[in-house]
N, C-alpha and C. Protein backbone atom coordinates (compact mmCIF):
# COMPACT_ATOMS: atom_id res chain seq x y z
N UNK A 1 -12.49 50.17 -74.42
CA UNK A 1 -12.25 49.06 -74.13
C UNK A 1 -11.10 48.52 -75.06
N UNK A 2 -10.13 47.61 -74.56
CA UNK A 2 -8.94 47.04 -75.19
C UNK A 2 -9.62 45.83 -76.03
N UNK A 3 -9.40 45.67 -77.26
CA UNK A 3 -9.48 44.70 -78.08
C UNK A 3 -8.50 43.47 -78.17
N UNK A 4 -7.26 43.86 -77.78
CA UNK A 4 -6.34 42.84 -77.59
C UNK A 4 -5.95 42.38 -76.26
N UNK A 5 -5.68 40.96 -76.06
CA UNK A 5 -5.38 40.39 -74.96
C UNK A 5 -4.39 41.28 -74.12
N UNK A 6 -3.07 41.22 -74.80
CA UNK A 6 -1.67 41.66 -74.23
C UNK A 6 -1.20 42.67 -75.06
N UNK A 7 -1.07 43.77 -75.00
CA UNK A 7 -0.57 45.07 -75.69
C UNK A 7 0.74 45.19 -75.31
N UNK A 8 1.67 45.16 -76.07
CA UNK A 8 3.22 45.54 -76.14
C UNK A 8 3.73 46.81 -76.63
N UNK A 9 4.61 47.42 -75.78
CA UNK A 9 5.09 48.73 -76.51
C UNK A 9 6.63 48.40 -76.57
N UNK A 10 7.24 48.79 -77.61
CA UNK A 10 8.56 48.73 -77.68
C UNK A 10 9.29 50.09 -78.37
N UNK A 11 9.68 50.93 -77.41
CA UNK A 11 10.45 52.16 -77.79
C UNK A 11 11.74 52.16 -78.58
N UNK A 12 11.99 52.94 -79.28
CA UNK A 12 13.56 52.91 -79.98
C UNK A 12 13.52 54.15 -80.92
N UNK A 13 14.77 54.61 -81.16
CA UNK A 13 15.09 55.54 -82.13
C UNK A 13 14.98 55.10 -83.53
N UNK A 14 15.59 53.72 -83.59
CA UNK A 14 15.17 52.97 -84.94
C UNK A 14 16.17 53.71 -86.07
N UNK A 15 17.39 54.35 -85.75
CA UNK A 15 17.97 54.98 -86.80
C UNK A 15 18.71 54.21 -87.49
N UNK A 16 18.80 54.25 -89.05
CA UNK A 16 19.84 53.37 -89.74
C UNK A 16 19.44 52.26 -89.51
N UNK A 17 18.18 51.65 -89.60
CA UNK A 17 17.41 50.54 -89.42
C UNK A 17 18.54 49.18 -89.92
N UNK A 18 18.50 48.34 -88.71
CA UNK A 18 19.48 47.22 -89.02
C UNK A 18 19.15 46.17 -88.36
N UNK A 19 19.76 45.18 -88.13
CA UNK A 19 19.36 43.64 -87.66
C UNK A 19 18.91 43.62 -86.15
N UNK A 20 19.78 44.50 -85.38
CA UNK A 20 19.55 44.63 -84.06
C UNK A 20 18.12 45.18 -83.92
N UNK A 21 17.65 46.10 -84.88
CA UNK A 21 16.30 46.58 -84.48
C UNK A 21 15.27 45.55 -84.99
N UNK A 22 15.63 44.93 -85.89
CA UNK A 22 14.57 43.65 -86.58
C UNK A 22 14.58 42.60 -85.53
N UNK A 23 15.61 42.34 -84.86
CA UNK A 23 15.69 41.59 -83.78
C UNK A 23 14.89 41.78 -82.51
N UNK A 24 14.91 42.98 -82.02
CA UNK A 24 14.27 43.36 -80.93
C UNK A 24 12.61 43.59 -81.37
N UNK A 25 12.20 44.03 -82.43
CA UNK A 25 10.83 44.01 -83.17
C UNK A 25 10.24 42.53 -83.00
N UNK A 26 11.18 41.72 -83.79
CA UNK A 26 10.66 40.12 -83.85
C UNK A 26 10.42 39.65 -82.34
N UNK A 27 11.45 39.59 -81.65
CA UNK A 27 11.11 39.11 -80.18
C UNK A 27 10.22 39.91 -79.25
N UNK A 28 10.07 41.12 -79.34
CA UNK A 28 8.95 41.81 -78.57
C UNK A 28 7.71 41.43 -78.91
N UNK A 29 7.37 41.22 -80.32
CA UNK A 29 6.13 40.40 -80.79
C UNK A 29 5.73 39.03 -80.08
N UNK A 30 6.73 38.51 -79.76
CA UNK A 30 6.44 37.22 -78.93
C UNK A 30 5.99 37.27 -77.54
N UNK A 31 6.27 38.62 -77.01
CA UNK A 31 5.78 38.92 -75.47
C UNK A 31 4.38 39.47 -75.71
N UNK A 32 3.89 39.56 -76.57
CA UNK A 32 2.28 40.13 -76.65
C UNK A 32 1.58 39.74 -77.74
N UNK A 33 0.08 40.05 -77.67
CA UNK A 33 -0.64 39.82 -78.83
C UNK A 33 -0.80 40.94 -79.90
N UNK A 34 -0.45 42.11 -79.70
CA UNK A 34 -0.48 43.33 -80.23
C UNK A 34 0.78 44.04 -79.72
N UNK A 35 1.54 44.54 -80.88
CA UNK A 35 2.80 45.14 -80.59
C UNK A 35 2.85 46.98 -81.30
N UNK A 36 3.09 47.71 -80.42
CA UNK A 36 3.09 49.18 -80.71
C UNK A 36 4.59 49.19 -80.72
N UNK A 37 4.90 49.85 -81.49
CA UNK A 37 6.41 50.39 -81.58
C UNK A 37 6.46 51.86 -81.55
N UNK A 38 7.29 52.54 -80.40
CA UNK A 38 7.26 53.89 -80.36
C UNK A 38 8.85 54.39 -81.06
N UNK A 39 8.58 55.21 -82.08
CA UNK A 39 9.69 55.64 -82.70
C UNK A 39 9.95 57.08 -82.18
N UNK A 40 11.15 57.22 -81.40
CA UNK A 40 11.59 58.45 -80.85
C UNK A 40 11.70 59.57 -81.49
N UNK A 41 11.04 60.73 -81.45
CA UNK A 41 11.06 61.93 -82.17
C UNK A 41 12.55 62.37 -82.44
N UNK A 42 12.90 63.14 -83.52
CA UNK A 42 14.17 63.80 -83.61
C UNK A 42 14.67 64.32 -82.48
N UNK A 43 13.69 65.36 -82.07
CA UNK A 43 14.00 66.15 -80.88
C UNK A 43 14.27 65.60 -79.73
N UNK A 44 13.62 64.52 -79.17
CA UNK A 44 13.79 63.58 -78.27
C UNK A 44 15.17 62.99 -78.35
N UNK A 45 15.18 62.44 -79.41
CA UNK A 45 16.45 61.31 -79.81
C UNK A 45 17.90 62.19 -79.27
N UNK A 46 17.83 63.50 -80.10
CA UNK A 46 18.85 64.44 -80.00
C UNK A 46 18.99 64.70 -78.56
N UNK A 47 18.15 64.96 -77.79
CA UNK A 47 18.28 65.38 -76.49
C UNK A 47 18.95 64.23 -75.59
N UNK A 48 18.45 63.00 -75.81
CA UNK A 48 19.23 61.83 -75.09
C UNK A 48 20.31 61.43 -75.52
N UNK A 49 20.47 61.21 -76.84
CA UNK A 49 21.92 60.76 -77.38
C UNK A 49 22.87 61.56 -77.89
N UNK A 50 22.37 63.23 -78.11
CA UNK A 50 23.37 64.23 -78.06
C UNK A 50 23.52 64.60 -79.52
N UNK A 51 23.14 63.67 -80.50
CA UNK A 51 23.06 64.03 -81.73
C UNK A 51 21.83 63.64 -82.37
N UNK A 52 21.50 64.19 -83.66
CA UNK A 52 20.21 64.02 -84.36
C UNK A 52 20.26 62.61 -85.04
N UNK A 53 19.07 62.04 -85.20
CA UNK A 53 19.56 60.87 -85.96
C UNK A 53 19.68 60.97 -87.50
N UNK A 54 20.42 60.01 -88.07
CA UNK A 54 20.61 60.30 -89.50
C UNK A 54 19.10 60.23 -90.50
N UNK A 55 18.42 59.48 -90.26
CA UNK A 55 17.06 59.14 -90.63
C UNK A 55 16.02 60.00 -90.16
N UNK A 56 15.34 60.76 -90.67
CA UNK A 56 14.35 61.68 -90.11
C UNK A 56 13.00 60.77 -89.37
N UNK A 57 12.35 61.61 -88.38
CA UNK A 57 11.64 60.73 -87.75
C UNK A 57 10.61 59.97 -88.53
N UNK A 58 9.96 61.04 -89.42
CA UNK A 58 8.76 60.50 -90.59
C UNK A 58 9.27 59.23 -91.30
N UNK A 59 10.26 59.18 -91.79
CA UNK A 59 11.10 58.19 -92.61
C UNK A 59 11.35 56.83 -91.46
N UNK A 60 11.81 57.01 -90.58
CA UNK A 60 11.76 56.08 -89.69
C UNK A 60 10.52 55.39 -89.01
N UNK A 61 9.50 56.07 -89.07
CA UNK A 61 8.17 55.70 -88.61
C UNK A 61 7.49 54.58 -89.75
N UNK A 62 7.88 55.25 -90.95
CA UNK A 62 7.43 54.61 -92.15
C UNK A 62 7.94 53.19 -92.39
N UNK A 63 9.56 53.14 -92.07
CA UNK A 63 10.19 52.06 -91.96
C UNK A 63 9.60 50.97 -91.07
N UNK A 64 9.58 51.23 -89.72
CA UNK A 64 9.18 50.38 -88.73
C UNK A 64 7.73 49.99 -88.86
N UNK A 65 6.80 50.72 -89.42
CA UNK A 65 5.61 50.27 -89.55
C UNK A 65 5.49 49.38 -90.75
N UNK A 66 6.31 48.97 -91.48
CA UNK A 66 6.14 48.11 -92.60
C UNK A 66 6.91 46.73 -92.03
N UNK A 67 7.30 46.86 -90.96
CA UNK A 67 7.92 45.54 -90.59
C UNK A 67 7.00 44.61 -90.16
N UNK A 68 6.73 43.35 -90.44
CA UNK A 68 5.63 42.82 -90.34
C UNK A 68 5.38 42.31 -88.74
N UNK A 69 6.15 42.20 -88.01
CA UNK A 69 6.09 42.28 -86.69
C UNK A 69 5.28 43.17 -85.69
N UNK A 70 5.35 44.51 -86.43
CA UNK A 70 4.73 45.55 -85.69
C UNK A 70 3.24 45.51 -86.07
N UNK A 71 2.29 45.79 -85.36
CA UNK A 71 0.89 45.99 -85.44
C UNK A 71 0.70 47.66 -85.63
N UNK A 72 1.50 48.42 -84.98
CA UNK A 72 1.16 49.76 -84.93
C UNK A 72 2.39 50.60 -84.69
N UNK A 73 2.51 51.55 -85.20
CA UNK A 73 3.75 52.65 -84.88
C UNK A 73 3.42 54.11 -84.58
N UNK A 74 4.07 54.56 -83.58
CA UNK A 74 3.85 55.92 -83.19
C UNK A 74 4.75 56.64 -82.92
N UNK A 75 4.94 57.98 -82.96
CA UNK A 75 5.89 58.86 -82.46
C UNK A 75 6.23 59.04 -80.85
N UNK A 76 7.10 58.86 -80.69
CA UNK A 76 7.39 58.94 -78.94
C UNK A 76 7.90 60.37 -79.00
N UNK A 77 7.18 61.24 -78.47
CA UNK A 77 7.70 62.65 -78.38
C UNK A 77 7.69 63.40 -76.80
N UNK A 78 7.73 62.30 -75.97
CA UNK A 78 7.81 62.63 -74.46
C UNK A 78 9.03 62.42 -73.85
N UNK A 79 9.21 62.99 -72.53
CA UNK A 79 10.42 62.59 -71.79
C UNK A 79 10.30 61.35 -71.05
N UNK A 80 8.88 60.94 -70.50
CA UNK A 80 8.47 59.81 -69.55
C UNK A 80 7.76 58.85 -70.56
N UNK A 81 8.28 57.69 -70.28
CA UNK A 81 7.86 56.50 -70.83
C UNK A 81 6.15 56.21 -70.34
N UNK A 82 6.33 56.86 -69.18
CA UNK A 82 4.54 56.55 -68.37
C UNK A 82 3.63 57.28 -69.23
N UNK A 83 4.19 58.59 -69.84
CA UNK A 83 3.17 59.48 -70.49
C UNK A 83 2.88 58.66 -71.78
N UNK A 84 3.62 57.89 -72.38
CA UNK A 84 3.11 56.94 -73.57
C UNK A 84 2.29 55.96 -73.26
N UNK A 85 2.37 55.52 -71.92
CA UNK A 85 1.43 54.53 -71.26
C UNK A 85 0.11 54.91 -71.11
N UNK A 86 0.02 56.40 -70.65
CA UNK A 86 -1.13 56.97 -70.62
C UNK A 86 -1.88 57.07 -71.79
N UNK A 87 -1.25 57.32 -73.13
CA UNK A 87 -1.66 57.65 -74.38
C UNK A 87 -2.17 56.27 -74.84
N UNK A 88 -1.48 55.09 -74.59
CA UNK A 88 -1.53 53.74 -75.39
C UNK A 88 -2.33 52.76 -74.48
N UNK A 89 -2.11 52.61 -73.18
CA UNK A 89 -2.55 51.93 -72.16
C UNK A 89 -2.08 50.20 -72.28
N UNK A 90 -0.65 50.07 -72.87
CA UNK A 90 -0.09 48.71 -72.92
C UNK A 90 0.23 47.87 -71.59
N UNK A 91 0.19 46.70 -71.85
CA UNK A 91 0.50 45.64 -70.69
C UNK A 91 2.00 45.33 -70.38
N UNK A 92 2.73 45.63 -71.47
CA UNK A 92 4.17 45.34 -71.22
C UNK A 92 4.98 46.19 -71.94
N UNK A 93 6.13 46.49 -71.48
CA UNK A 93 7.00 47.50 -72.28
C UNK A 93 8.55 46.51 -72.43
N UNK A 94 8.83 46.63 -73.80
CA UNK A 94 10.16 45.82 -74.18
C UNK A 94 11.16 46.80 -74.24
N UNK A 95 12.56 46.43 -73.67
CA UNK A 95 13.59 47.24 -73.71
C UNK A 95 14.73 46.15 -73.95
N UNK A 96 15.81 46.71 -74.55
CA UNK A 96 16.85 45.74 -74.62
C UNK A 96 17.86 45.58 -73.32
N UNK A 97 18.23 44.35 -73.19
CA UNK A 97 18.72 44.39 -71.63
C UNK A 97 20.08 44.91 -71.39
N UNK A 98 20.43 45.94 -72.24
CA UNK A 98 21.51 46.77 -72.07
C UNK A 98 20.86 47.79 -70.70
N UNK A 99 19.74 48.07 -70.76
CA UNK A 99 19.08 48.63 -69.62
C UNK A 99 18.99 48.12 -68.19
N UNK A 100 18.99 46.61 -68.27
CA UNK A 100 18.74 46.01 -66.87
C UNK A 100 19.64 46.41 -65.82
N UNK A 101 19.25 46.64 -64.68
CA UNK A 101 20.25 47.14 -63.70
C UNK A 101 21.03 48.19 -63.80
N UNK A 102 20.62 49.23 -64.86
CA UNK A 102 20.90 50.64 -64.88
C UNK A 102 20.05 51.50 -64.00
N UNK A 103 20.47 52.72 -63.70
CA UNK A 103 19.63 53.54 -63.32
C UNK A 103 18.39 53.85 -63.82
N UNK A 104 18.36 53.99 -65.34
CA UNK A 104 17.44 54.26 -66.17
C UNK A 104 16.36 52.95 -66.11
N UNK A 105 17.08 51.74 -66.07
CA UNK A 105 16.28 50.53 -66.07
C UNK A 105 15.42 50.29 -64.50
N UNK A 106 16.11 50.73 -63.84
CA UNK A 106 15.56 50.55 -62.31
C UNK A 106 14.18 51.74 -62.28
N UNK A 107 14.43 52.67 -62.81
CA UNK A 107 13.31 53.76 -62.66
C UNK A 107 12.17 53.13 -63.67
N UNK A 108 12.58 52.81 -64.71
CA UNK A 108 11.42 52.20 -65.85
C UNK A 108 10.75 51.12 -64.87
N UNK A 109 11.47 50.32 -64.13
CA UNK A 109 10.81 49.17 -63.54
C UNK A 109 9.83 49.67 -62.39
N UNK A 110 10.37 50.63 -61.57
CA UNK A 110 9.48 51.31 -60.58
C UNK A 110 8.37 51.94 -61.06
N UNK A 111 8.48 53.06 -62.22
CA UNK A 111 7.33 53.45 -62.67
C UNK A 111 6.40 52.74 -63.13
N UNK A 112 6.87 51.72 -63.97
CA UNK A 112 5.71 50.73 -64.60
C UNK A 112 5.11 49.72 -63.49
N UNK A 113 5.91 49.40 -62.52
CA UNK A 113 5.25 48.65 -61.43
C UNK A 113 4.15 49.28 -60.77
N UNK A 114 4.01 50.47 -60.65
CA UNK A 114 2.97 51.40 -60.17
C UNK A 114 1.71 51.46 -60.95
N UNK A 115 1.82 51.10 -62.17
CA UNK A 115 0.38 50.96 -63.09
C UNK A 115 0.41 49.46 -63.64
N UNK A 116 1.06 48.48 -62.97
CA UNK A 116 0.80 47.22 -63.44
C UNK A 116 1.46 46.55 -64.68
N UNK A 117 2.29 47.46 -65.39
CA UNK A 117 2.94 47.24 -66.60
C UNK A 117 4.11 46.31 -66.26
N UNK A 118 4.33 45.17 -67.07
CA UNK A 118 5.51 44.38 -67.08
C UNK A 118 6.60 44.77 -67.90
N UNK A 119 7.87 44.76 -67.36
CA UNK A 119 8.99 45.06 -68.14
C UNK A 119 9.55 44.05 -68.53
N UNK A 120 9.93 43.88 -69.88
CA UNK A 120 10.57 42.64 -70.44
C UNK A 120 11.88 43.10 -71.11
N UNK A 121 13.04 42.41 -70.95
CA UNK A 121 14.25 42.55 -71.23
C UNK A 121 14.67 41.76 -72.33
N UNK A 122 15.02 42.08 -73.38
CA UNK A 122 15.62 41.06 -74.58
C UNK A 122 16.96 41.49 -74.99
N UNK A 123 17.46 40.44 -75.37
CA UNK A 123 19.01 40.72 -75.64
C UNK A 123 19.42 41.68 -76.35
N UNK A 124 20.27 42.54 -76.11
CA UNK A 124 20.81 43.54 -77.18
C UNK A 124 21.68 42.88 -78.22
N UNK A 125 21.72 43.58 -79.46
CA UNK A 125 22.56 42.94 -80.38
C UNK A 125 23.70 43.92 -80.32
N UNK A 126 24.86 43.21 -79.81
CA UNK A 126 25.99 44.01 -79.41
C UNK A 126 26.68 44.31 -80.58
N UNK A 127 26.75 43.13 -81.82
CA UNK A 127 27.64 43.41 -82.72
C UNK A 127 27.26 44.44 -83.72
N UNK A 128 25.90 44.92 -83.71
CA UNK A 128 25.42 46.02 -84.60
C UNK A 128 24.76 46.97 -84.00
N UNK A 129 25.17 48.50 -84.04
CA UNK A 129 24.20 49.23 -83.39
C UNK A 129 24.41 50.59 -84.53
N UNK A 130 23.47 51.55 -84.13
CA UNK A 130 23.50 52.85 -84.97
C UNK A 130 24.53 53.49 -84.86
N UNK A 131 25.24 53.68 -83.61
CA UNK A 131 26.37 54.32 -83.11
C UNK A 131 27.33 53.47 -83.83
N UNK A 132 27.55 52.14 -83.73
CA UNK A 132 28.86 51.46 -84.69
C UNK A 132 28.57 51.68 -86.03
N UNK A 133 27.67 51.80 -86.86
CA UNK A 133 27.45 52.26 -88.16
C UNK A 133 27.79 53.58 -88.27
N UNK A 134 27.51 54.54 -87.57
CA UNK A 134 27.93 55.85 -87.68
C UNK A 134 29.47 55.91 -87.70
N UNK A 135 29.95 55.34 -86.81
CA UNK A 135 31.65 55.08 -86.61
C UNK A 135 31.92 54.44 -88.08
N UNK A 136 31.61 53.60 -88.47
CA UNK A 136 32.23 52.90 -89.54
C UNK A 136 31.89 53.59 -91.02
N UNK A 137 30.98 54.42 -91.19
CA UNK A 137 30.62 55.21 -92.05
C UNK A 137 31.56 56.42 -92.02
N UNK A 138 31.68 57.03 -90.83
CA UNK A 138 32.68 58.26 -90.71
C UNK A 138 34.07 57.61 -91.14
N UNK A 139 34.66 56.46 -90.60
CA UNK A 139 35.98 55.89 -91.09
C UNK A 139 36.18 55.90 -92.43
N UNK A 140 34.91 55.12 -93.12
CA UNK A 140 35.04 55.10 -94.47
C UNK A 140 35.23 56.42 -95.48
N UNK A 141 34.26 57.46 -95.04
CA UNK A 141 34.65 58.70 -95.60
C UNK A 141 35.85 59.26 -95.16
N UNK A 142 36.41 59.41 -94.15
CA UNK A 142 37.83 60.01 -93.66
C UNK A 142 38.62 59.07 -94.58
N UNK A 143 38.70 57.90 -95.15
CA UNK A 143 39.72 57.11 -95.45
C UNK A 143 39.46 57.14 -97.10
N UNK A 144 38.29 57.43 -97.53
CA UNK A 144 37.53 57.35 -98.78
C UNK A 144 38.28 57.60 -99.94
């Protein structure tokens, strides 16, 4: 039996934690009574993004758990978000609006409509991302 009215789930790699991560966690918490953050495993992140995270999953999990907007954090180690729903039974899934209108966003919406889960899109922080941080660090090392 669920003890919270509206459980939310926000998946992410959360590599090199930055203000964009803080923004999505803060705003995701507003969409629910209890927020679970899914920290994507190193293996899944590398499979999806083509490179391993800089910060290992255990450390990323610890960082995300320490954020006051997060009620619980788990490792997401599966291909399909629906598998995380089977494990956690959340009511809403939160993604950045960079997913909206894309094939992966459309699939997410179809999958979760089939189990009555709402998909909420939040603004993606365009001026900061882990990819951008990697580029800046690489440039600074190269010119160093």
